[in-house]
């Protein structure tokens, strides 16, 4: 028999599940019917999973993989998938982050940058703050010549409800150092994130 192993705080799960039970009842549903009997607990666990970023310090993640290196050209990771919850309606927004930095005598393990994206996105968020938090974390810990962050995301609070514009994409950016002061460097970054290299 298949069993999935996940670790959740029992007390927290019970508290959240009780609230979900009340919400489901409040909309007029019968929480005793088969399809909804385990829904409050499932939702409680899902909500903890989707907000697990509060449990990890992104600065520690970056500091765990810093290496001295004389490389001083752009390091770019693009198309980093991200999933987050809009703090205004608690519905998802999702998309891709494109992140670059120019080292100043130290580099970071490449996997740590997507990890930082996950940590900040797995919190209640707005895209504007998410963009800034990622940029500030890299700036603080790497002390590079510059950081560039661009996020493109679809927001279900705009697509499923409200104005219901299914094809809308929100783009936010944050630039520091040479990405902010040198147009040539910023243009190189923008061209690279738009290119499709074979």
N, C-alpha and C. Protein backbone atom coordinates (compact mmCIF):
# COMPACT_ATOMS: atom_id res chain seq x y z
N UNK A 1 0.84 -1.20 0.00
CA UNK A 1 0.00 0.00 0.00
C UNK A 1 0.88 1.25 0.00
N UNK A 2 0.52 2.21 -0.86
CA UNK A 2 1.31 3.43 -0.98
C UNK A 2 1.07 4.36 0.19
N UNK A 3 2.15 4.83 0.80
CA UNK A 3 2.04 5.86 1.84
C UNK A 3 3.10 6.92 1.58
N UNK A 4 2.68 8.15 1.61
CA UNK A 4 3.61 9.26 1.38
C UNK A 4 4.07 9.80 2.72
N UNK A 5 5.38 9.95 2.89
CA UNK A 5 5.92 10.43 4.15
C UNK A 5 6.17 11.93 4.09
N UNK A 6 5.51 12.66 4.94
CA UNK A 6 5.72 14.09 5.08
C UNK A 6 5.66 14.42 6.56
N UNK A 7 6.48 15.36 6.98
CA UNK A 7 6.53 15.74 8.38
C UNK A 7 5.79 17.06 8.61
N UNK A 8 4.79 17.03 9.47
CA UNK A 8 4.04 18.24 9.80
C UNK A 8 3.83 18.29 11.31
N UNK A 9 3.82 19.50 11.84
CA UNK A 9 3.53 19.68 13.26
C UNK A 9 2.08 19.31 13.51
N UNK A 10 1.88 18.36 14.40
CA UNK A 10 0.53 17.83 14.63
C UNK A 10 -0.42 18.90 15.15
N UNK A 11 0.03 19.69 16.14
CA UNK A 11 -0.84 20.72 16.72
C UNK A 11 -1.20 21.79 15.70
N UNK A 12 -0.21 22.20 14.92
CA UNK A 12 -0.46 23.21 13.89
C UNK A 12 -1.43 22.68 12.86
N UNK A 13 -1.24 21.44 12.45
CA UNK A 13 -2.13 20.84 11.46
C UNK A 13 -3.56 20.78 11.98
N UNK A 14 -3.74 20.41 13.23
CA UNK A 14 -5.09 20.32 13.80
C UNK A 14 -5.76 21.69 13.87
N UNK A 15 -4.99 22.72 14.25
CA UNK A 15 -5.56 24.07 14.34
C UNK A 15 -5.99 24.59 12.98
N UNK A 16 -5.11 24.42 11.99
CA UNK A 16 -5.44 24.90 10.65
C UNK A 16 -6.61 24.11 10.07
N UNK A 17 -6.61 22.79 10.29
CA UNK A 17 -7.69 21.95 9.77
C UNK A 17 -9.04 22.36 10.34
N UNK A 18 -9.08 22.71 11.62
CA UNK A 18 -10.33 23.14 12.23
C UNK A 18 -10.86 24.41 11.55
N UNK A 19 -9.95 25.32 11.24
CA UNK A 19 -10.36 26.54 10.56
C UNK A 19 -10.87 26.27 9.15
N UNK A 20 -10.20 25.36 8.44
CA UNK A 20 -10.68 24.99 7.11
C UNK A 20 -12.06 24.32 7.20
N UNK A 21 -12.25 23.50 8.22
CA UNK A 21 -13.56 22.86 8.42
C UNK A 21 -14.65 23.91 8.58
N UNK A 22 -14.38 24.93 9.37
CA UNK A 22 -15.35 26.02 9.58
C UNK A 22 -15.61 26.78 8.28
N UNK A 23 -14.56 27.01 7.50
CA UNK A 23 -14.72 27.73 6.22
C UNK A 23 -15.60 26.93 5.27
N UNK A 24 -15.34 25.64 5.16
CA UNK A 24 -16.11 24.79 4.24
C UNK A 24 -17.58 24.74 4.66
N UNK A 25 -17.81 24.65 5.96
CA UNK A 25 -19.19 24.68 6.46
C UNK A 25 -19.85 26.02 6.17
N UNK A 26 -19.07 27.09 6.29
CA UNK A 26 -19.61 28.45 6.12
C UNK A 26 -20.12 28.71 4.71
N UNK A 27 -19.57 28.01 3.71
CA UNK A 27 -20.05 28.22 2.35
C UNK A 27 -21.23 27.30 2.01
N UNK A 28 -21.65 26.51 2.99
CA UNK A 28 -22.85 25.70 2.82
C UNK A 28 -22.59 24.26 2.41
N UNK A 29 -21.34 23.82 2.47
CA UNK A 29 -21.03 22.45 2.08
C UNK A 29 -21.25 21.48 3.24
N UNK A 30 -21.46 20.24 2.90
CA UNK A 30 -21.61 19.16 3.87
C UNK A 30 -20.24 18.52 4.08
N UNK A 31 -19.62 18.83 5.20
CA UNK A 31 -18.26 18.32 5.44
C UNK A 31 -18.25 16.82 5.78
N UNK A 32 -19.42 16.23 5.87
CA UNK A 32 -19.48 14.79 6.16
C UNK A 32 -19.45 13.94 4.90
N UNK A 33 -19.65 14.57 3.74
CA UNK A 33 -19.66 13.76 2.52
C UNK A 33 -18.26 13.26 2.21
N UNK A 34 -18.20 12.15 1.50
CA UNK A 34 -16.95 11.42 1.31
C UNK A 34 -15.81 12.29 0.77
N UNK A 35 -16.09 13.08 -0.24
CA UNK A 35 -15.03 13.87 -0.87
C UNK A 35 -14.43 14.95 0.00
N UNK A 36 -15.14 15.33 1.07
CA UNK A 36 -14.68 16.44 1.92
C UNK A 36 -14.22 16.00 3.30
N UNK A 37 -14.35 14.73 3.62
CA UNK A 37 -14.05 14.29 4.98
C UNK A 37 -12.60 14.56 5.38
N UNK A 38 -11.68 14.37 4.47
CA UNK A 38 -10.26 14.59 4.79
C UNK A 38 -9.72 15.90 4.23
N UNK A 39 -10.59 16.68 3.62
CA UNK A 39 -10.15 17.93 2.99
C UNK A 39 -9.54 18.92 3.98
N UNK A 40 -10.14 19.15 5.15
CA UNK A 40 -9.52 20.11 6.08
C UNK A 40 -8.09 19.74 6.45
N UNK A 41 -7.84 18.47 6.69
CA UNK A 41 -6.47 18.05 7.03
C UNK A 41 -5.54 18.19 5.84
N UNK A 42 -6.03 17.82 4.65
CA UNK A 42 -5.20 17.97 3.45
C UNK A 42 -4.85 19.43 3.22
N UNK A 43 -5.84 20.31 3.38
CA UNK A 43 -5.60 21.74 3.20
C UNK A 43 -4.60 22.26 4.23
N UNK A 44 -4.72 21.80 5.45
CA UNK A 44 -3.80 22.24 6.51
C UNK A 44 -2.36 21.86 6.17
N UNK A 45 -2.18 20.67 5.67
CA UNK A 45 -0.83 20.22 5.30
C UNK A 45 -0.34 20.97 4.06
N UNK A 46 -1.24 21.17 3.10
CA UNK A 46 -0.85 21.90 1.89
C UNK A 46 -0.43 23.32 2.23
N UNK A 47 -1.17 23.97 3.13
CA UNK A 47 -0.86 25.35 3.48
C UNK A 47 0.49 25.44 4.18
N UNK A 48 0.79 24.47 5.02
CA UNK A 48 2.11 24.45 5.66
C UNK A 48 3.22 24.24 4.63
N UNK A 49 2.97 23.37 3.66
CA UNK A 49 3.96 23.15 2.60
C UNK A 49 4.18 24.41 1.79
N UNK A 50 3.09 25.10 1.44
CA UNK A 50 3.18 26.28 0.58
C UNK A 50 3.78 27.49 1.29
N UNK A 51 3.89 27.42 2.62
CA UNK A 51 4.47 28.53 3.38
C UNK A 51 5.72 28.09 4.16
N UNK A 52 6.35 27.03 3.72
CA UNK A 52 7.50 26.49 4.45
C UNK A 52 8.72 27.40 4.40
N UNK A 53 8.68 28.43 3.55
CA UNK A 53 9.81 29.35 3.47
C UNK A 53 10.08 30.10 4.75
N UNK A 54 9.08 30.20 5.62
CA UNK A 54 9.30 30.87 6.91
C UNK A 54 10.26 30.09 7.81
N UNK A 55 10.47 28.81 7.51
CA UNK A 55 11.26 27.95 8.38
C UNK A 55 12.74 27.88 8.01
N UNK A 56 13.15 28.61 6.96
CA UNK A 56 14.53 28.55 6.50
C UNK A 56 15.10 29.95 6.35
N UNK A 57 16.34 30.13 6.79
CA UNK A 57 17.02 31.41 6.66
C UNK A 57 17.78 31.43 5.33
N UNK A 58 17.36 32.27 4.37
CA UNK A 58 18.04 32.28 3.07
C UNK A 58 19.49 32.72 3.15
N UNK A 59 19.82 33.54 4.15
CA UNK A 59 21.21 33.97 4.32
C UNK A 59 22.12 32.79 4.66
N UNK A 60 21.63 31.88 5.48
CA UNK A 60 22.41 30.70 5.82
C UNK A 60 22.62 29.81 4.61
N UNK A 61 21.60 29.73 3.75
CA UNK A 61 21.73 28.92 2.53
C UNK A 61 22.85 29.46 1.64
N UNK A 62 22.88 30.78 1.44
CA UNK A 62 23.93 31.39 0.61
C UNK A 62 25.29 31.23 1.28
N UNK A 63 25.37 31.49 2.58
CA UNK A 63 26.65 31.44 3.29
C UNK A 63 27.24 30.03 3.31
N UNK A 64 26.40 29.02 3.13
CA UNK A 64 26.88 27.64 3.18
C UNK A 64 27.65 27.23 1.93
N UNK A 65 27.60 28.05 0.89
CA UNK A 65 28.23 27.63 -0.37
C UNK A 65 28.91 28.80 -1.08
N UNK A 66 29.69 29.57 -0.34
CA UNK A 66 30.47 30.66 -0.93
C UNK A 66 31.89 30.17 -1.22
N UNK A 67 32.41 30.56 -2.39
CA UNK A 67 33.74 30.11 -2.80
C UNK A 67 34.53 31.27 -3.37
N UNK A 68 35.80 31.36 -3.00
CA UNK A 68 36.67 32.39 -3.57
C UNK A 68 36.97 32.05 -5.03
N UNK A 69 36.79 33.03 -5.88
CA UNK A 69 37.02 32.82 -7.31
C UNK A 69 37.25 34.16 -7.98
N UNK A 70 38.20 34.22 -8.92
CA UNK A 70 38.52 35.47 -9.59
C UNK A 70 37.60 35.77 -10.78
N UNK A 71 36.67 34.90 -11.09
CA UNK A 71 35.75 35.12 -12.21
C UNK A 71 34.97 36.42 -11.98
N UNK A 72 34.96 37.29 -13.00
CA UNK A 72 34.31 38.58 -12.82
C UNK A 72 33.35 38.95 -13.95
N UNK A 73 32.83 37.92 -14.64
CA UNK A 73 31.83 38.13 -15.67
C UNK A 73 30.45 37.72 -15.13
N UNK A 74 29.44 37.98 -15.92
CA UNK A 74 28.08 37.74 -15.46
C UNK A 74 27.79 36.26 -15.24
N UNK A 75 27.13 35.96 -14.12
CA UNK A 75 26.60 34.63 -13.84
C UNK A 75 25.08 34.75 -13.88
N UNK A 76 24.45 34.01 -14.77
CA UNK A 76 23.00 34.12 -14.97
C UNK A 76 22.33 32.76 -14.85
N UNK A 77 21.29 32.71 -14.05
CA UNK A 77 20.39 31.55 -14.03
C UNK A 77 19.02 32.08 -14.41
N UNK A 78 18.48 31.55 -15.50
CA UNK A 78 17.17 32.04 -15.93
C UNK A 78 16.14 30.93 -15.92
N UNK A 79 14.89 31.34 -16.02
CA UNK A 79 13.75 30.41 -16.03
C UNK A 79 13.67 29.56 -14.77
N UNK A 80 13.93 30.17 -13.62
CA UNK A 80 13.77 29.48 -12.34
C UNK A 80 12.28 29.48 -11.99
N UNK A 81 11.68 28.32 -11.97
CA UNK A 81 10.25 28.23 -11.66
C UNK A 81 9.98 28.67 -10.23
N UNK A 82 8.88 29.41 -10.06
CA UNK A 82 8.50 29.81 -8.70
C UNK A 82 6.99 29.71 -8.54
N UNK A 83 6.58 29.38 -7.32
CA UNK A 83 5.18 29.28 -6.96
C UNK A 83 5.01 29.97 -5.61
N UNK A 84 4.04 30.86 -5.52
CA UNK A 84 3.84 31.59 -4.28
C UNK A 84 2.36 31.81 -4.05
N UNK A 85 2.03 32.36 -2.87
CA UNK A 85 0.65 32.71 -2.53
C UNK A 85 0.54 34.21 -2.36
N UNK A 86 -0.38 34.81 -3.09
CA UNK A 86 -0.66 36.24 -2.94
C UNK A 86 -1.20 36.49 -1.54
N UNK A 87 -0.60 37.42 -0.84
CA UNK A 87 -1.02 37.66 0.55
C UNK A 87 -2.37 38.38 0.64
N UNK A 88 -2.86 38.90 -0.46
CA UNK A 88 -4.14 39.62 -0.44
C UNK A 88 -5.35 38.69 -0.52
N UNK A 89 -5.21 37.58 -1.29
CA UNK A 89 -6.34 36.68 -1.46
C UNK A 89 -6.01 35.22 -1.15
N UNK A 90 -4.74 34.95 -0.85
CA UNK A 90 -4.26 33.59 -0.57
C UNK A 90 -4.52 32.64 -1.73
N UNK A 91 -4.40 33.15 -2.95
CA UNK A 91 -4.44 32.30 -4.14
C UNK A 91 -3.07 32.37 -4.81
N UNK A 92 -2.75 31.38 -5.62
CA UNK A 92 -1.38 31.31 -6.15
C UNK A 92 -1.05 32.36 -7.19
N UNK A 93 0.24 32.71 -7.23
CA UNK A 93 0.84 33.30 -8.42
C UNK A 93 2.09 32.49 -8.72
N UNK A 94 2.41 32.40 -9.99
CA UNK A 94 3.49 31.50 -10.40
C UNK A 94 4.14 32.01 -11.67
N UNK A 95 5.38 31.63 -11.86
CA UNK A 95 6.08 32.09 -13.05
C UNK A 95 7.54 31.72 -13.02
N UNK A 96 8.38 32.65 -13.51
CA UNK A 96 9.81 32.38 -13.61
C UNK A 96 10.61 33.57 -13.13
N UNK A 97 11.73 33.26 -12.51
CA UNK A 97 12.69 34.29 -12.09
C UNK A 97 13.95 34.16 -12.93
N UNK A 98 14.50 35.30 -13.30
CA UNK A 98 15.78 35.35 -14.02
C UNK A 98 16.73 36.16 -13.14
N UNK A 99 17.84 35.56 -12.76
CA UNK A 99 18.73 36.18 -11.77
C UNK A 99 20.17 36.14 -12.26
N UNK A 100 20.83 37.28 -12.14
CA UNK A 100 22.24 37.36 -12.51
C UNK A 100 23.00 38.16 -11.46
N UNK A 101 24.29 37.87 -11.37
CA UNK A 101 25.17 38.70 -10.55
C UNK A 101 26.55 38.71 -11.18
N UNK A 102 27.31 39.73 -10.87
CA UNK A 102 28.69 39.81 -11.32
C UNK A 102 29.57 39.69 -10.08
N UNK A 103 30.33 38.60 -9.97
CA UNK A 103 31.09 38.32 -8.75
C UNK A 103 32.15 39.37 -8.44
N UNK A 104 32.42 39.49 -7.16
CA UNK A 104 33.50 40.35 -6.68
C UNK A 104 34.40 39.48 -5.79
N UNK A 105 35.15 38.60 -6.46
CA UNK A 105 36.11 37.70 -5.82
C UNK A 105 35.47 36.53 -5.07
N UNK A 106 34.13 36.35 -5.18
CA UNK A 106 33.53 35.14 -4.64
C UNK A 106 32.27 34.81 -5.42
N UNK A 107 32.02 33.49 -5.53
CA UNK A 107 30.84 33.00 -6.21
C UNK A 107 30.04 32.13 -5.23
N UNK A 108 28.82 31.81 -5.62
CA UNK A 108 27.98 30.95 -4.78
C UNK A 108 27.61 29.71 -5.59
N UNK A 109 27.47 28.57 -4.92
CA UNK A 109 27.02 27.36 -5.59
C UNK A 109 25.72 27.62 -6.34
N UNK A 110 25.66 27.20 -7.58
CA UNK A 110 24.54 27.57 -8.45
C UNK A 110 23.18 27.14 -7.91
N UNK A 111 23.12 26.00 -7.25
CA UNK A 111 21.83 25.52 -6.76
C UNK A 111 21.26 26.39 -5.64
N UNK A 112 22.11 27.20 -5.02
CA UNK A 112 21.65 28.02 -3.89
C UNK A 112 20.76 29.17 -4.34
N UNK A 113 20.95 29.63 -5.57
CA UNK A 113 20.13 30.75 -6.04
C UNK A 113 18.67 30.32 -6.24
N UNK A 114 18.38 29.20 -6.93
CA UNK A 114 16.99 28.74 -6.97
C UNK A 114 16.44 28.41 -5.58
N UNK A 115 17.30 27.94 -4.70
CA UNK A 115 16.86 27.65 -3.33
C UNK A 115 16.39 28.92 -2.63
N UNK A 116 17.11 30.02 -2.82
CA UNK A 116 16.70 31.30 -2.24
C UNK A 116 15.35 31.74 -2.82
N UNK A 117 15.18 31.54 -4.12
CA UNK A 117 13.89 31.86 -4.75
C UNK A 117 12.78 31.07 -4.08
N UNK A 118 12.99 29.78 -3.86
CA UNK A 118 11.98 28.94 -3.20
C UNK A 118 11.66 29.43 -1.79
N UNK A 119 12.69 29.78 -1.04
CA UNK A 119 12.49 30.19 0.35
C UNK A 119 11.60 31.43 0.42
N UNK A 120 11.91 32.43 -0.39
CA UNK A 120 11.11 33.66 -0.34
C UNK A 120 9.73 33.48 -0.98
N UNK A 121 9.63 32.64 -2.00
CA UNK A 121 8.33 32.47 -2.66
C UNK A 121 7.39 31.60 -1.84
N UNK A 122 7.93 30.73 -0.99
CA UNK A 122 7.08 29.90 -0.14
C UNK A 122 6.70 30.64 1.14
N UNK A 123 6.26 31.86 0.96
CA UNK A 123 5.75 32.70 2.03
C UNK A 123 4.56 33.47 1.45
N UNK A 124 3.77 34.10 2.30
CA UNK A 124 2.72 34.97 1.79
C UNK A 124 3.40 36.19 1.19
N UNK A 125 3.10 36.49 -0.08
CA UNK A 125 3.93 37.43 -0.81
C UNK A 125 3.14 38.38 -1.69
N UNK A 126 3.82 39.42 -2.12
CA UNK A 126 3.47 40.18 -3.31
C UNK A 126 4.70 40.12 -4.21
N UNK A 127 4.49 40.14 -5.50
CA UNK A 127 5.61 39.94 -6.42
C UNK A 127 6.67 41.02 -6.28
N UNK A 128 6.23 42.24 -6.01
CA UNK A 128 7.18 43.34 -5.89
C UNK A 128 8.17 43.10 -4.74
N UNK A 129 7.65 42.69 -3.59
CA UNK A 129 8.52 42.44 -2.43
C UNK A 129 9.39 41.21 -2.66
N UNK A 130 8.82 40.18 -3.27
CA UNK A 130 9.58 38.97 -3.57
C UNK A 130 10.81 39.30 -4.41
N UNK A 131 10.63 40.14 -5.41
CA UNK A 131 11.74 40.54 -6.27
C UNK A 131 12.84 41.24 -5.47
N UNK A 132 12.43 42.17 -4.62
CA UNK A 132 13.39 42.92 -3.80
C UNK A 132 14.09 42.02 -2.79
N UNK A 133 13.36 41.11 -2.16
CA UNK A 133 13.97 40.25 -1.14
C UNK A 133 15.05 39.36 -1.72
N UNK A 134 14.80 38.81 -2.91
CA UNK A 134 15.81 37.98 -3.56
C UNK A 134 17.06 38.81 -3.87
N UNK A 135 16.84 39.99 -4.43
CA UNK A 135 17.95 40.88 -4.77
C UNK A 135 18.76 41.26 -3.53
N UNK A 136 18.07 41.67 -2.48
CA UNK A 136 18.75 42.11 -1.25
C UNK A 136 19.54 40.98 -0.60
N UNK A 137 19.01 39.76 -0.64
CA UNK A 137 19.71 38.62 -0.04
C UNK A 137 21.02 38.35 -0.78
N UNK A 138 20.97 38.37 -2.11
CA UNK A 138 22.19 38.13 -2.88
C UNK A 138 23.19 39.27 -2.72
N UNK A 139 22.69 40.49 -2.71
CA UNK A 139 23.56 41.66 -2.53
C UNK A 139 24.27 41.60 -1.18
N UNK A 140 23.53 41.28 -0.15
CA UNK A 140 24.08 41.26 1.22
C UNK A 140 25.15 40.18 1.38
N UNK A 141 24.88 39.00 0.86
CA UNK A 141 25.76 37.87 1.13
C UNK A 141 26.91 37.71 0.15
N UNK A 142 26.68 38.10 -1.10
CA UNK A 142 27.74 37.97 -2.11
C UNK A 142 28.61 39.22 -2.22
N UNK A 143 28.03 40.37 -1.86
CA UNK A 143 28.70 41.66 -2.05
C UNK A 143 29.32 41.73 -3.45
N UNK A 144 28.49 41.53 -4.47
CA UNK A 144 28.99 41.47 -5.84
C UNK A 144 29.11 42.86 -6.46
N UNK A 145 29.54 42.88 -7.71
CA UNK A 145 29.57 44.14 -8.46
C UNK A 145 28.16 44.60 -8.82
N UNK A 146 27.22 43.67 -8.82
CA UNK A 146 25.83 44.02 -9.10
C UNK A 146 24.95 42.78 -9.14
N UNK A 147 23.66 43.00 -8.93
CA UNK A 147 22.65 41.93 -8.97
C UNK A 147 21.51 42.38 -9.87
N UNK A 148 20.97 41.44 -10.64
CA UNK A 148 19.79 41.71 -11.46
C UNK A 148 18.77 40.61 -11.22
N UNK A 149 17.54 41.01 -10.96
CA UNK A 149 16.45 40.05 -10.76
C UNK A 149 15.24 40.52 -11.57
N UNK A 150 14.72 39.64 -12.41
CA UNK A 150 13.47 39.90 -13.13
C UNK A 150 12.55 38.72 -12.88
N UNK A 151 11.31 39.01 -12.49
CA UNK A 151 10.31 37.97 -12.29
C UNK A 151 9.13 38.23 -13.21
N UNK A 152 8.69 37.17 -13.90
CA UNK A 152 7.49 37.21 -14.73
C UNK A 152 6.51 36.21 -14.15
N UNK A 153 5.30 36.66 -13.82
CA UNK A 153 4.38 35.76 -13.14
C UNK A 153 2.93 36.00 -13.55
N UNK A 154 2.16 34.92 -13.47
CA UNK A 154 0.71 34.97 -13.65
C UNK A 154 0.05 34.90 -12.27
N UNK A 155 -0.94 35.75 -12.06
CA UNK A 155 -1.59 35.85 -10.76
C UNK A 155 -3.04 35.38 -10.87
N UNK A 156 -3.36 34.31 -10.15
CA UNK A 156 -4.71 33.79 -10.23
C UNK A 156 -5.74 34.73 -9.60
N UNK A 157 -5.28 35.66 -8.75
CA UNK A 157 -6.22 36.64 -8.20
C UNK A 157 -6.71 37.59 -9.29
N UNK A 158 -5.96 37.68 -10.40
CA UNK A 158 -6.40 38.47 -11.56
C UNK A 158 -7.07 37.61 -12.61
N UNK A 159 -6.75 36.31 -12.64
CA UNK A 159 -7.22 35.45 -13.72
C UNK A 159 -8.47 34.66 -13.35
N UNK A 160 -8.58 34.23 -12.09
CA UNK A 160 -9.75 33.44 -11.66
C UNK A 160 -10.85 34.31 -11.09
N UNK A 161 -10.49 35.49 -10.61
CA UNK A 161 -11.46 36.38 -9.98
C UNK A 161 -11.16 37.81 -10.40
N UNK A 162 -11.85 38.77 -9.81
CA UNK A 162 -11.56 40.16 -10.11
C UNK A 162 -11.75 40.49 -11.58
N UNK A 163 -10.70 40.99 -12.23
CA UNK A 163 -10.82 41.40 -13.64
C UNK A 163 -10.84 40.22 -14.61
N UNK A 164 -10.44 39.03 -14.15
CA UNK A 164 -10.47 37.80 -14.95
C UNK A 164 -9.79 37.97 -16.31
N UNK A 165 -8.54 38.38 -16.27
CA UNK A 165 -7.73 38.53 -17.48
C UNK A 165 -6.73 37.39 -17.54
N UNK A 166 -7.10 36.33 -18.28
CA UNK A 166 -6.33 35.08 -18.25
C UNK A 166 -4.94 35.17 -18.86
N UNK A 167 -4.71 36.11 -19.75
CA UNK A 167 -3.41 36.17 -20.44
C UNK A 167 -2.47 37.23 -19.89
N UNK A 168 -2.81 37.81 -18.76
CA UNK A 168 -1.97 38.88 -18.22
C UNK A 168 -0.74 38.31 -17.51
N UNK A 169 0.39 38.97 -17.72
CA UNK A 169 1.65 38.61 -17.07
C UNK A 169 2.17 39.86 -16.36
N UNK A 170 2.62 39.68 -15.12
CA UNK A 170 3.21 40.78 -14.37
C UNK A 170 4.73 40.62 -14.34
N UNK A 171 5.45 41.67 -14.68
CA UNK A 171 6.91 41.65 -14.67
C UNK A 171 7.43 42.67 -13.67
N UNK A 172 8.33 42.23 -12.81
CA UNK A 172 8.97 43.12 -11.84
C UNK A 172 10.49 42.95 -11.96
N UNK A 173 11.22 43.99 -11.59
CA UNK A 173 12.68 43.91 -11.69
C UNK A 173 13.34 44.64 -10.54
N UNK A 174 14.56 44.21 -10.24
CA UNK A 174 15.39 44.89 -9.25
C UNK A 174 16.84 44.82 -9.75
N UNK A 175 17.49 45.97 -9.81
CA UNK A 175 18.87 46.05 -10.27
C UNK A 175 19.72 46.77 -9.23
N UNK A 176 20.93 46.27 -9.01
CA UNK A 176 21.86 46.96 -8.12
C UNK A 176 23.22 47.05 -8.81
N UNK A 177 24.08 47.90 -8.29
CA UNK A 177 25.46 48.00 -8.77
C UNK A 177 25.54 48.31 -10.24
N UNK A 178 26.38 47.57 -10.97
CA UNK A 178 26.62 47.85 -12.38
C UNK A 178 25.39 47.62 -13.24
N UNK A 179 24.48 46.76 -12.80
CA UNK A 179 23.24 46.57 -13.56
C UNK A 179 22.38 47.83 -13.53
N UNK A 180 22.56 48.61 -12.48
CA UNK A 180 21.80 49.85 -12.34
C UNK A 180 22.50 51.02 -13.01
N UNK A 181 23.83 51.03 -12.94
CA UNK A 181 24.58 52.21 -13.41
C UNK A 181 25.11 52.09 -14.83
N UNK A 182 25.26 50.84 -15.32
CA UNK A 182 25.83 50.66 -16.64
C UNK A 182 24.79 50.05 -17.59
N UNK A 183 24.33 50.86 -18.52
CA UNK A 183 23.27 50.42 -19.44
C UNK A 183 23.70 49.21 -20.26
N UNK A 184 24.98 49.17 -20.66
CA UNK A 184 25.48 48.05 -21.47
C UNK A 184 25.33 46.72 -20.73
N UNK A 185 25.66 46.72 -19.44
CA UNK A 185 25.55 45.49 -18.64
C UNK A 185 24.10 45.09 -18.47
N UNK A 186 23.24 46.07 -18.21
CA UNK A 186 21.81 45.78 -18.04
C UNK A 186 21.21 45.24 -19.34
N UNK A 187 21.60 45.81 -20.48
CA UNK A 187 21.10 45.34 -21.77
C UNK A 187 21.58 43.93 -22.08
N UNK A 188 22.83 43.63 -21.70
CA UNK A 188 23.34 42.27 -21.90
C UNK A 188 22.49 41.28 -21.13
N UNK A 189 22.17 41.62 -19.90
CA UNK A 189 21.32 40.75 -19.07
C UNK A 189 19.95 40.57 -19.73
N UNK A 190 19.32 41.66 -20.14
CA UNK A 190 17.98 41.59 -20.73
C UNK A 190 18.00 40.78 -22.02
N UNK A 191 19.04 40.95 -22.83
CA UNK A 191 19.15 40.17 -24.06
C UNK A 191 19.33 38.68 -23.78
N UNK A 192 20.12 38.36 -22.77
CA UNK A 192 20.37 36.96 -22.43
C UNK A 192 19.12 36.26 -21.91
N UNK A 193 18.30 36.95 -21.12
CA UNK A 193 17.12 36.27 -20.58
C UNK A 193 16.05 36.09 -21.66
N UNK A 194 16.15 36.86 -22.74
CA UNK A 194 15.18 36.72 -23.83
C UNK A 194 15.66 35.76 -24.91
N UNK A 195 16.95 35.41 -24.89
CA UNK A 195 17.50 34.56 -25.95
C UNK A 195 17.19 33.08 -25.70
N UNK A 196 17.14 32.33 -26.76
CA UNK A 196 16.96 30.89 -26.67
C UNK A 196 18.19 30.23 -27.26
N UNK A 197 19.15 29.92 -26.40
CA UNK A 197 20.41 29.33 -26.87
C UNK A 197 20.20 27.85 -27.14
N UNK A 198 20.78 27.37 -28.22
CA UNK A 198 20.64 25.96 -28.59
C UNK A 198 21.44 25.08 -27.67
